N, C-alpha and C. Protein backbone atom coordinates (compact mmCIF):
# COMPACT_ATOMS: atom_id res chain seq x y z
N MET A 1 4.02 -0.34 22.09
CA MET A 1 3.83 -0.53 20.67
C MET A 1 3.83 0.84 19.97
N LYS A 2 4.55 0.91 18.86
CA LYS A 2 4.66 2.17 18.12
C LYS A 2 3.41 2.42 17.28
N LYS A 3 3.16 3.70 17.05
CA LYS A 3 2.05 4.10 16.17
C LYS A 3 2.38 3.70 14.74
N SER A 4 1.36 3.54 13.95
CA SER A 4 1.56 3.31 12.52
C SER A 4 1.73 4.66 11.84
N TYR A 5 2.97 5.00 11.55
CA TYR A 5 3.24 6.27 10.87
C TYR A 5 2.68 6.26 9.46
N LEU A 6 2.60 5.09 8.85
CA LEU A 6 2.03 5.02 7.49
C LEU A 6 0.58 5.49 7.50
N GLN A 7 -0.19 5.04 8.48
CA GLN A 7 -1.60 5.43 8.56
C GLN A 7 -1.75 6.91 8.89
N ILE A 8 -0.94 7.40 9.84
CA ILE A 8 -1.00 8.81 10.21
C ILE A 8 -0.65 9.67 9.00
N GLU A 9 0.44 9.30 8.30
CA GLU A 9 0.85 10.07 7.13
C GLU A 9 -0.25 10.08 6.07
N LYS A 10 -0.85 8.94 5.83
CA LYS A 10 -1.90 8.85 4.81
C LYS A 10 -3.05 9.79 5.14
N GLU A 11 -3.53 9.73 6.36
CA GLU A 11 -4.69 10.53 6.75
C GLU A 11 -4.37 12.03 6.74
N LEU A 12 -3.19 12.39 7.25
CA LEU A 12 -2.84 13.81 7.28
C LEU A 12 -2.47 14.33 5.89
N LEU A 13 -1.87 13.48 5.07
CA LEU A 13 -1.56 13.88 3.70
C LEU A 13 -2.84 14.12 2.91
N ASP A 14 -3.85 13.28 3.15
CA ASP A 14 -5.15 13.51 2.51
C ASP A 14 -5.70 14.89 2.88
N GLN A 15 -5.56 15.26 4.15
CA GLN A 15 -6.02 16.58 4.59
C GLN A 15 -5.18 17.69 3.94
N SER A 16 -3.90 17.45 3.86
CA SER A 16 -3.01 18.44 3.25
C SER A 16 -3.36 18.69 1.79
N LEU A 17 -3.74 17.64 1.09
CA LEU A 17 -4.07 17.78 -0.32
C LEU A 17 -5.41 18.48 -0.56
N LYS A 18 -6.22 18.59 0.48
CA LYS A 18 -7.49 19.33 0.38
C LYS A 18 -7.27 20.83 0.56
N PHE A 19 -6.13 21.20 1.07
CA PHE A 19 -5.89 22.59 1.43
C PHE A 19 -5.89 23.55 0.24
N PRO A 20 -5.27 23.21 -0.88
CA PRO A 20 -5.30 24.16 -2.02
C PRO A 20 -6.72 24.51 -2.46
N ASN A 21 -7.62 23.56 -2.39
CA ASN A 21 -9.02 23.83 -2.75
C ASN A 21 -9.65 24.84 -1.79
N LEU A 22 -9.31 24.73 -0.51
CA LEU A 22 -9.83 25.70 0.47
C LEU A 22 -9.32 27.10 0.17
N VAL A 23 -8.05 27.21 -0.18
CA VAL A 23 -7.49 28.52 -0.51
C VAL A 23 -8.18 29.08 -1.75
N SER A 24 -8.43 28.23 -2.72
CA SER A 24 -9.14 28.67 -3.93
C SER A 24 -10.55 29.15 -3.60
N GLN A 25 -11.22 28.44 -2.71
CA GLN A 25 -12.56 28.87 -2.28
C GLN A 25 -12.50 30.24 -1.62
N ALA A 26 -11.49 30.46 -0.79
CA ALA A 26 -11.36 31.76 -0.13
C ALA A 26 -11.08 32.85 -1.16
N PHE A 27 -10.23 32.56 -2.11
CA PHE A 27 -9.88 33.53 -3.14
C PHE A 27 -11.12 33.92 -3.96
N LYS A 28 -11.97 32.94 -4.25
CA LYS A 28 -13.18 33.19 -5.03
C LYS A 28 -14.34 33.69 -4.16
N LYS A 29 -14.06 33.83 -2.87
CA LYS A 29 -15.09 34.26 -1.91
C LYS A 29 -16.33 33.36 -1.95
N ASN A 30 -16.07 32.08 -2.05
CA ASN A 30 -17.12 31.07 -2.06
C ASN A 30 -17.91 31.15 -0.76
N SER A 31 -19.22 31.16 -0.87
CA SER A 31 -20.08 31.30 0.31
C SER A 31 -19.95 30.12 1.27
N GLN A 32 -19.50 28.97 0.80
CA GLN A 32 -19.35 27.79 1.65
C GLN A 32 -17.94 27.65 2.23
N PHE A 33 -17.06 28.59 1.92
CA PHE A 33 -15.68 28.49 2.38
C PHE A 33 -15.56 28.32 3.89
N VAL A 34 -16.21 29.16 4.66
CA VAL A 34 -16.07 29.09 6.11
C VAL A 34 -16.53 27.74 6.64
N ASN A 35 -17.68 27.26 6.16
CA ASN A 35 -18.16 25.95 6.60
C ASN A 35 -17.21 24.84 6.19
N ASN A 36 -16.71 24.90 4.95
CA ASN A 36 -15.77 23.88 4.48
C ASN A 36 -14.46 23.92 5.26
N PHE A 37 -14.00 25.12 5.56
CA PHE A 37 -12.77 25.27 6.34
C PHE A 37 -12.96 24.76 7.76
N MET A 38 -14.10 25.07 8.36
CA MET A 38 -14.39 24.55 9.70
C MET A 38 -14.43 23.02 9.69
N ASP A 39 -15.04 22.44 8.67
CA ASP A 39 -15.07 20.98 8.55
C ASP A 39 -13.66 20.41 8.42
N TRP A 40 -12.83 21.08 7.60
CA TRP A 40 -11.44 20.65 7.42
C TRP A 40 -10.67 20.73 8.74
N LEU A 41 -10.83 21.84 9.45
CA LEU A 41 -10.17 21.99 10.74
C LEU A 41 -10.61 20.89 11.72
N ARG A 42 -11.91 20.67 11.78
CA ARG A 42 -12.47 19.68 12.71
C ARG A 42 -11.95 18.27 12.37
N LEU A 43 -11.94 17.92 11.09
CA LEU A 43 -11.47 16.59 10.69
C LEU A 43 -9.97 16.44 10.95
N THR A 44 -9.19 17.45 10.63
CA THR A 44 -7.75 17.39 10.87
C THR A 44 -7.46 17.30 12.36
N GLU A 45 -8.20 18.08 13.13
CA GLU A 45 -8.07 18.03 14.59
C GLU A 45 -8.43 16.64 15.12
N ASN A 46 -9.50 16.05 14.61
CA ASN A 46 -9.91 14.70 15.04
C ASN A 46 -8.87 13.64 14.71
N ILE A 47 -8.25 13.76 13.53
CA ILE A 47 -7.20 12.81 13.16
C ILE A 47 -6.04 12.92 14.14
N MET A 48 -5.63 14.15 14.41
CA MET A 48 -4.53 14.35 15.35
C MET A 48 -4.89 13.88 16.75
N GLN A 49 -6.10 14.13 17.15
CA GLN A 49 -6.55 13.69 18.46
C GLN A 49 -6.56 12.16 18.55
N LYS A 50 -7.02 11.51 17.49
CA LYS A 50 -7.06 10.05 17.46
C LYS A 50 -5.68 9.45 17.68
N TYR A 51 -4.65 10.09 17.13
CA TYR A 51 -3.28 9.58 17.26
C TYR A 51 -2.51 10.27 18.38
N LYS A 52 -3.23 11.00 19.23
CA LYS A 52 -2.65 11.67 20.39
C LYS A 52 -1.51 12.62 20.00
N ILE A 53 -1.75 13.38 18.95
CA ILE A 53 -0.81 14.39 18.49
C ILE A 53 -1.23 15.71 19.14
N PRO A 54 -0.37 16.28 20.00
CA PRO A 54 -0.79 17.44 20.80
C PRO A 54 -1.17 18.68 20.00
N GLN A 55 -0.70 18.80 18.76
CA GLN A 55 -1.04 19.98 17.97
C GLN A 55 -2.53 20.05 17.64
N CYS A 56 -3.28 19.01 17.97
CA CYS A 56 -4.73 19.07 17.76
C CYS A 56 -5.33 20.23 18.56
N SER A 57 -4.74 20.53 19.71
CA SER A 57 -5.26 21.64 20.52
C SER A 57 -4.99 22.99 19.85
N GLN A 58 -3.89 23.09 19.09
CA GLN A 58 -3.63 24.34 18.37
C GLN A 58 -4.69 24.55 17.28
N LEU A 59 -5.05 23.47 16.60
CA LEU A 59 -6.10 23.58 15.58
C LEU A 59 -7.44 23.96 16.22
N ALA A 60 -7.71 23.38 17.38
CA ALA A 60 -8.95 23.72 18.09
C ALA A 60 -8.95 25.20 18.48
N GLY A 61 -7.80 25.69 18.89
CA GLY A 61 -7.68 27.11 19.22
C GLY A 61 -7.94 28.00 18.02
N LEU A 62 -7.40 27.61 16.87
CA LEU A 62 -7.66 28.37 15.65
C LEU A 62 -9.14 28.32 15.29
N ARG A 63 -9.72 27.14 15.42
CA ARG A 63 -11.15 26.99 15.11
C ARG A 63 -12.00 27.86 16.01
N SER A 64 -11.57 28.01 17.25
CA SER A 64 -12.34 28.82 18.20
C SER A 64 -12.35 30.30 17.80
N LYS A 65 -11.32 30.75 17.09
CA LYS A 65 -11.29 32.15 16.66
C LYS A 65 -12.46 32.47 15.72
N ILE A 66 -12.86 31.50 14.94
CA ILE A 66 -13.98 31.71 14.02
C ILE A 66 -15.29 31.83 14.79
N LEU A 67 -15.33 31.23 15.96
CA LEU A 67 -16.57 31.23 16.75
C LEU A 67 -16.76 32.49 17.58
N ILE A 68 -15.70 33.29 17.73
CA ILE A 68 -15.79 34.53 18.52
C ILE A 68 -16.74 35.49 17.81
N PRO A 69 -17.70 36.02 18.53
CA PRO A 69 -18.65 36.96 17.89
C PRO A 69 -17.93 38.24 17.42
N ALA A 70 -18.43 38.78 16.34
CA ALA A 70 -17.86 40.00 15.77
C ALA A 70 -18.10 41.18 16.70
N ASP A 71 -17.14 42.07 16.73
CA ASP A 71 -17.27 43.31 17.51
C ASP A 71 -18.25 44.23 16.77
N LYS A 72 -19.23 44.70 17.47
CA LYS A 72 -20.28 45.54 16.85
C LYS A 72 -19.70 46.82 16.27
N LYS A 73 -18.57 47.27 16.79
CA LYS A 73 -17.95 48.50 16.30
C LYS A 73 -17.39 48.33 14.89
N LEU A 74 -17.11 47.08 14.50
CA LEU A 74 -16.51 46.83 13.18
C LEU A 74 -17.50 47.02 12.03
N LYS A 75 -18.75 47.00 12.32
CA LYS A 75 -19.80 47.16 11.31
C LYS A 75 -19.66 46.14 10.17
N LEU A 76 -19.37 44.91 10.54
CA LEU A 76 -19.29 43.80 9.58
C LEU A 76 -20.40 42.80 9.89
N SER A 77 -20.93 42.19 8.86
CA SER A 77 -21.89 41.12 9.11
C SER A 77 -21.13 39.94 9.73
N LYS A 78 -21.89 39.10 10.43
CA LYS A 78 -21.29 37.92 11.05
C LYS A 78 -20.61 37.07 9.99
N ARG A 79 -21.25 36.92 8.85
CA ARG A 79 -20.71 36.10 7.76
C ARG A 79 -19.37 36.67 7.24
N ARG A 80 -19.35 37.96 7.03
CA ARG A 80 -18.13 38.60 6.52
C ARG A 80 -17.01 38.56 7.55
N TYR A 81 -17.37 38.77 8.80
CA TYR A 81 -16.39 38.72 9.89
C TYR A 81 -15.78 37.32 9.97
N ASN A 82 -16.63 36.28 9.96
CA ASN A 82 -16.14 34.90 10.02
C ASN A 82 -15.25 34.58 8.82
N PHE A 83 -15.62 35.11 7.66
CA PHE A 83 -14.81 34.90 6.46
C PHE A 83 -13.42 35.51 6.66
N GLN A 84 -13.35 36.72 7.16
CA GLN A 84 -12.06 37.38 7.38
C GLN A 84 -11.20 36.62 8.40
N ILE A 85 -11.80 36.18 9.46
CA ILE A 85 -11.07 35.42 10.48
C ILE A 85 -10.57 34.10 9.89
N ALA A 86 -11.43 33.41 9.17
CA ALA A 86 -11.03 32.13 8.56
C ALA A 86 -9.85 32.32 7.62
N VAL A 87 -9.92 33.35 6.79
CA VAL A 87 -8.82 33.63 5.86
C VAL A 87 -7.54 33.94 6.63
N SER A 88 -7.68 34.66 7.74
CA SER A 88 -6.49 35.06 8.50
C SER A 88 -5.80 33.87 9.18
N ILE A 89 -6.50 32.76 9.40
CA ILE A 89 -5.88 31.61 10.06
C ILE A 89 -5.56 30.46 9.10
N LEU A 90 -5.83 30.65 7.83
CA LEU A 90 -5.50 29.61 6.84
C LEU A 90 -4.03 29.20 6.93
N ASN A 91 -3.14 30.16 6.85
CA ASN A 91 -1.72 29.86 6.85
C ASN A 91 -1.28 29.18 8.14
N ASP A 92 -1.78 29.67 9.27
CA ASP A 92 -1.42 29.06 10.56
C ASP A 92 -1.83 27.59 10.62
N SER A 93 -3.01 27.29 10.14
CA SER A 93 -3.49 25.90 10.19
C SER A 93 -2.66 25.01 9.27
N GLN A 94 -2.29 25.53 8.11
CA GLN A 94 -1.45 24.76 7.19
C GLN A 94 -0.07 24.53 7.79
N GLU A 95 0.48 25.53 8.47
CA GLU A 95 1.79 25.38 9.11
C GLU A 95 1.77 24.32 10.20
N ILE A 96 0.71 24.29 10.98
CA ILE A 96 0.58 23.28 12.03
C ILE A 96 0.58 21.89 11.41
N LEU A 97 -0.18 21.73 10.35
CA LEU A 97 -0.24 20.43 9.68
C LEU A 97 1.13 20.05 9.13
N THR A 98 1.83 20.99 8.54
CA THR A 98 3.17 20.71 7.99
C THR A 98 4.15 20.35 9.10
N ILE A 99 4.06 21.05 10.23
CA ILE A 99 4.95 20.76 11.37
C ILE A 99 4.73 19.34 11.87
N VAL A 100 3.52 18.87 11.85
CA VAL A 100 3.21 17.51 12.29
C VAL A 100 3.61 16.49 11.22
N LEU A 101 3.31 16.79 9.97
CA LEU A 101 3.50 15.83 8.88
C LEU A 101 4.97 15.65 8.48
N SER A 102 5.74 16.71 8.52
CA SER A 102 7.13 16.64 8.04
C SER A 102 8.00 15.60 8.74
N PRO A 103 8.05 15.56 10.07
CA PRO A 103 8.91 14.54 10.70
C PRO A 103 8.41 13.11 10.48
N ILE A 104 7.10 12.95 10.35
CA ILE A 104 6.55 11.62 10.07
C ILE A 104 6.98 11.17 8.68
N SER A 105 6.85 12.05 7.70
CA SER A 105 7.26 11.73 6.33
C SER A 105 8.75 11.47 6.27
N LYS A 106 9.54 12.22 7.03
CA LYS A 106 10.99 12.02 7.03
C LYS A 106 11.34 10.64 7.57
N LYS A 107 10.71 10.22 8.66
CA LYS A 107 10.97 8.88 9.21
C LYS A 107 10.65 7.81 8.18
N LEU A 108 9.52 7.97 7.50
CA LEU A 108 9.12 6.97 6.50
C LEU A 108 10.06 7.00 5.30
N ASP A 109 10.46 8.18 4.85
CA ASP A 109 11.39 8.28 3.73
C ASP A 109 12.75 7.69 4.08
N ASP A 110 13.24 7.99 5.28
CA ASP A 110 14.52 7.42 5.72
C ASP A 110 14.43 5.90 5.79
N SER A 111 13.32 5.39 6.29
CA SER A 111 13.12 3.94 6.37
C SER A 111 13.06 3.32 4.97
N ARG A 112 12.38 3.97 4.06
CA ARG A 112 12.32 3.48 2.67
C ARG A 112 13.71 3.40 2.05
N ASP A 113 14.52 4.42 2.30
CA ASP A 113 15.89 4.43 1.76
C ASP A 113 16.69 3.25 2.29
N ILE A 114 16.60 2.99 3.58
CA ILE A 114 17.33 1.87 4.17
C ILE A 114 16.79 0.55 3.62
N ILE A 115 15.48 0.44 3.48
CA ILE A 115 14.89 -0.79 2.93
C ILE A 115 15.38 -1.02 1.50
N ARG A 116 15.45 0.03 0.71
CA ARG A 116 15.96 -0.12 -0.67
C ARG A 116 17.40 -0.62 -0.66
N GLN A 117 18.20 -0.11 0.26
CA GLN A 117 19.59 -0.57 0.36
C GLN A 117 19.64 -2.05 0.75
N LEU A 118 18.81 -2.42 1.71
CA LEU A 118 18.75 -3.83 2.12
C LEU A 118 18.30 -4.72 0.96
N LEU A 119 17.32 -4.25 0.23
CA LEU A 119 16.82 -5.04 -0.90
C LEU A 119 17.87 -5.17 -2.00
N ASN A 120 18.66 -4.14 -2.22
CA ASN A 120 19.73 -4.25 -3.22
C ASN A 120 20.72 -5.34 -2.84
N VAL A 121 21.03 -5.44 -1.54
CA VAL A 121 21.91 -6.52 -1.07
C VAL A 121 21.22 -7.86 -1.29
N ALA A 122 19.95 -7.92 -0.98
CA ALA A 122 19.19 -9.18 -1.16
C ALA A 122 19.16 -9.60 -2.62
N TYR A 123 18.98 -8.65 -3.53
CA TYR A 123 18.96 -8.97 -4.96
C TYR A 123 20.33 -9.48 -5.42
N GLN A 124 21.39 -8.82 -4.96
CA GLN A 124 22.74 -9.21 -5.38
C GLN A 124 23.15 -10.57 -4.85
N HIS A 125 22.76 -10.86 -3.62
CA HIS A 125 23.16 -12.12 -2.98
C HIS A 125 22.10 -13.21 -3.09
N LYS A 126 21.06 -12.93 -3.84
CA LYS A 126 20.00 -13.92 -4.09
C LYS A 126 19.52 -14.59 -2.79
N ILE A 127 19.11 -13.72 -1.87
CA ILE A 127 18.71 -14.17 -0.53
C ILE A 127 17.39 -14.93 -0.54
N VAL A 128 16.51 -14.61 -1.48
CA VAL A 128 15.18 -15.22 -1.45
C VAL A 128 14.76 -15.63 -2.87
N ASP A 129 13.94 -16.64 -2.93
CA ASP A 129 13.44 -17.18 -4.20
C ASP A 129 12.08 -16.54 -4.50
N LYS A 130 11.90 -16.04 -5.73
CA LYS A 130 10.63 -15.37 -6.04
C LYS A 130 9.48 -16.34 -6.26
N ASN A 131 9.75 -17.64 -6.24
CA ASN A 131 8.68 -18.62 -6.38
C ASN A 131 7.91 -18.86 -5.08
N LEU A 132 8.37 -18.25 -4.01
CA LEU A 132 7.66 -18.36 -2.73
C LEU A 132 6.41 -17.48 -2.76
N GLU A 133 5.50 -17.74 -1.84
CA GLU A 133 4.34 -16.86 -1.66
C GLU A 133 4.84 -15.48 -1.24
N PHE A 134 4.05 -14.46 -1.55
CA PHE A 134 4.45 -13.08 -1.27
C PHE A 134 4.81 -12.89 0.20
N ASN A 135 3.96 -13.34 1.12
CA ASN A 135 4.22 -13.17 2.55
C ASN A 135 5.47 -13.92 2.97
N GLU A 136 5.71 -15.08 2.36
CA GLU A 136 6.92 -15.85 2.68
C GLU A 136 8.17 -15.11 2.21
N ILE A 137 8.07 -14.44 1.08
CA ILE A 137 9.21 -13.65 0.59
C ILE A 137 9.54 -12.55 1.60
N LEU A 138 8.51 -11.85 2.05
CA LEU A 138 8.72 -10.76 3.00
C LEU A 138 9.30 -11.28 4.31
N GLN A 139 8.72 -12.35 4.83
CA GLN A 139 9.20 -12.92 6.10
C GLN A 139 10.63 -13.44 5.96
N THR A 140 10.93 -14.08 4.83
CA THR A 140 12.28 -14.58 4.59
C THR A 140 13.28 -13.43 4.52
N LEU A 141 12.91 -12.37 3.82
CA LEU A 141 13.79 -11.21 3.74
C LEU A 141 14.07 -10.64 5.14
N LEU A 142 13.03 -10.44 5.92
CA LEU A 142 13.22 -9.90 7.28
C LEU A 142 14.07 -10.84 8.13
N PHE A 143 13.84 -12.14 8.00
CA PHE A 143 14.62 -13.11 8.76
C PHE A 143 16.09 -13.06 8.36
N GLU A 144 16.35 -13.03 7.06
CA GLU A 144 17.73 -12.98 6.56
C GLU A 144 18.41 -11.67 6.96
N PHE A 145 17.68 -10.58 6.90
CA PHE A 145 18.25 -9.29 7.32
C PHE A 145 18.61 -9.33 8.80
N SER A 146 17.74 -9.93 9.60
CA SER A 146 17.95 -9.94 11.06
C SER A 146 19.08 -10.86 11.50
N LYS A 147 19.42 -11.86 10.71
CA LYS A 147 20.48 -12.77 11.14
C LYS A 147 21.85 -12.40 10.57
N HIS A 148 21.89 -11.56 9.57
CA HIS A 148 23.15 -11.12 8.97
C HIS A 148 23.72 -9.97 9.81
N GLU A 149 24.99 -10.07 10.19
CA GLU A 149 25.60 -9.10 11.11
C GLU A 149 25.48 -7.65 10.63
N ASN A 150 25.82 -7.37 9.38
CA ASN A 150 25.78 -5.99 8.87
C ASN A 150 24.35 -5.53 8.58
N LEU A 151 23.54 -6.42 8.05
CA LEU A 151 22.17 -6.04 7.70
C LEU A 151 21.28 -5.87 8.93
N LYS A 152 21.63 -6.59 9.99
CA LYS A 152 20.88 -6.49 11.24
C LYS A 152 20.91 -5.06 11.78
N THR A 153 22.04 -4.40 11.63
CA THR A 153 22.18 -3.02 12.11
C THR A 153 21.24 -2.09 11.33
N ALA A 154 21.20 -2.27 10.01
CA ALA A 154 20.31 -1.44 9.19
C ALA A 154 18.85 -1.70 9.55
N LEU A 155 18.51 -2.96 9.77
CA LEU A 155 17.14 -3.29 10.16
C LEU A 155 16.81 -2.66 11.51
N GLY A 156 17.77 -2.65 12.42
CA GLY A 156 17.59 -2.00 13.73
C GLY A 156 17.36 -0.50 13.58
N GLN A 157 18.03 0.12 12.60
CA GLN A 157 17.82 1.55 12.35
C GLN A 157 16.37 1.80 11.91
N ILE A 158 15.86 0.91 11.09
CA ILE A 158 14.47 1.06 10.63
C ILE A 158 13.52 0.91 11.81
N TYR A 159 13.74 -0.14 12.63
CA TYR A 159 12.87 -0.36 13.77
C TYR A 159 12.94 0.78 14.79
N ALA A 160 14.06 1.51 14.82
CA ALA A 160 14.16 2.67 15.70
C ALA A 160 13.29 3.82 15.20
N LEU A 161 13.03 3.84 13.89
CA LEU A 161 12.24 4.91 13.29
C LEU A 161 10.74 4.59 13.25
N ILE A 162 10.42 3.36 12.86
CA ILE A 162 9.01 2.99 12.63
C ILE A 162 8.73 1.61 13.22
N SER A 163 7.47 1.26 13.28
CA SER A 163 7.06 -0.03 13.84
C SER A 163 7.40 -1.18 12.90
N GLN A 164 7.38 -2.38 13.43
CA GLN A 164 7.63 -3.56 12.61
C GLN A 164 6.54 -3.74 11.56
N ALA A 165 5.32 -3.40 11.91
CA ALA A 165 4.22 -3.52 10.94
C ALA A 165 4.43 -2.55 9.78
N ASP A 166 4.83 -1.31 10.09
CA ASP A 166 5.12 -0.34 9.03
C ASP A 166 6.31 -0.80 8.19
N THR A 167 7.31 -1.40 8.85
CA THR A 167 8.48 -1.92 8.13
C THR A 167 8.04 -2.98 7.13
N LEU A 168 7.18 -3.87 7.55
CA LEU A 168 6.69 -4.92 6.67
C LEU A 168 5.92 -4.32 5.49
N CYS A 169 5.11 -3.32 5.75
CA CYS A 169 4.34 -2.66 4.67
C CYS A 169 5.28 -1.96 3.68
N LEU A 170 6.28 -1.26 4.19
CA LEU A 170 7.23 -0.58 3.30
C LEU A 170 8.03 -1.60 2.49
N LEU A 171 8.42 -2.68 3.14
CA LEU A 171 9.14 -3.74 2.43
C LEU A 171 8.27 -4.29 1.30
N ALA A 172 7.00 -4.50 1.58
CA ALA A 172 6.07 -5.00 0.56
C ALA A 172 5.94 -4.01 -0.60
N GLU A 173 5.96 -2.71 -0.29
CA GLU A 173 5.86 -1.69 -1.33
C GLU A 173 7.13 -1.64 -2.18
N GLU A 174 8.26 -1.86 -1.56
CA GLU A 174 9.55 -1.63 -2.23
C GLU A 174 10.13 -2.85 -2.95
N VAL A 175 9.73 -4.04 -2.58
CA VAL A 175 10.32 -5.24 -3.20
C VAL A 175 9.97 -5.27 -4.70
N GLU A 176 10.98 -5.55 -5.51
CA GLU A 176 10.81 -5.62 -6.96
C GLU A 176 11.01 -7.07 -7.40
N PHE A 177 9.91 -7.70 -7.81
CA PHE A 177 9.94 -9.12 -8.13
C PHE A 177 10.86 -9.46 -9.30
N ASP A 178 10.99 -8.54 -10.25
CA ASP A 178 11.83 -8.83 -11.42
C ASP A 178 13.31 -8.88 -11.03
N LYS A 179 13.67 -8.40 -9.86
CA LYS A 179 15.07 -8.47 -9.40
C LYS A 179 15.34 -9.66 -8.53
N LEU A 180 14.28 -10.39 -8.14
CA LEU A 180 14.47 -11.58 -7.31
C LEU A 180 14.91 -12.75 -8.19
N PRO A 181 15.78 -13.62 -7.66
CA PRO A 181 16.21 -14.78 -8.45
C PRO A 181 15.08 -15.79 -8.64
N ILE A 182 15.19 -16.54 -9.71
CA ILE A 182 14.17 -17.56 -10.02
C ILE A 182 14.34 -18.78 -9.14
């Protein structure tokens, strides 16, 4: 069974959208920056670990750099040292997240494009009646796509990219009721 890329993208995108605030905190030298960044790293790492994404170990490695005690020769307080280390790994942590998120988003975007093409065919050929229940509309569309020789290939391309459950969710997001026949 395939992972739900929709769920992974949602959770990681939420983390990605928190990143600008962390950079702003570092720029303003906010006293809570290091703790907030550690929390962000830990949560992002946990999300990746939950979905068995191996880059979680890279985030853990970055997080461990903040835990290394300061060299006494540097004459920096522990707080200032941790702040400098955290700032130095901001970009690396964001790059790891982008490396993980980009191919997932691409698969979903490619699937959305194919679904839109399939739906345009469905609208033109009046494949489904909009008076049906919402779930029936979706199931009818998938059934009609799967039995049509040319559309079946496009549906297979989607299933090669994402799970059937994600396909159904994307179809539900993309269907436009005003284009369905009465």
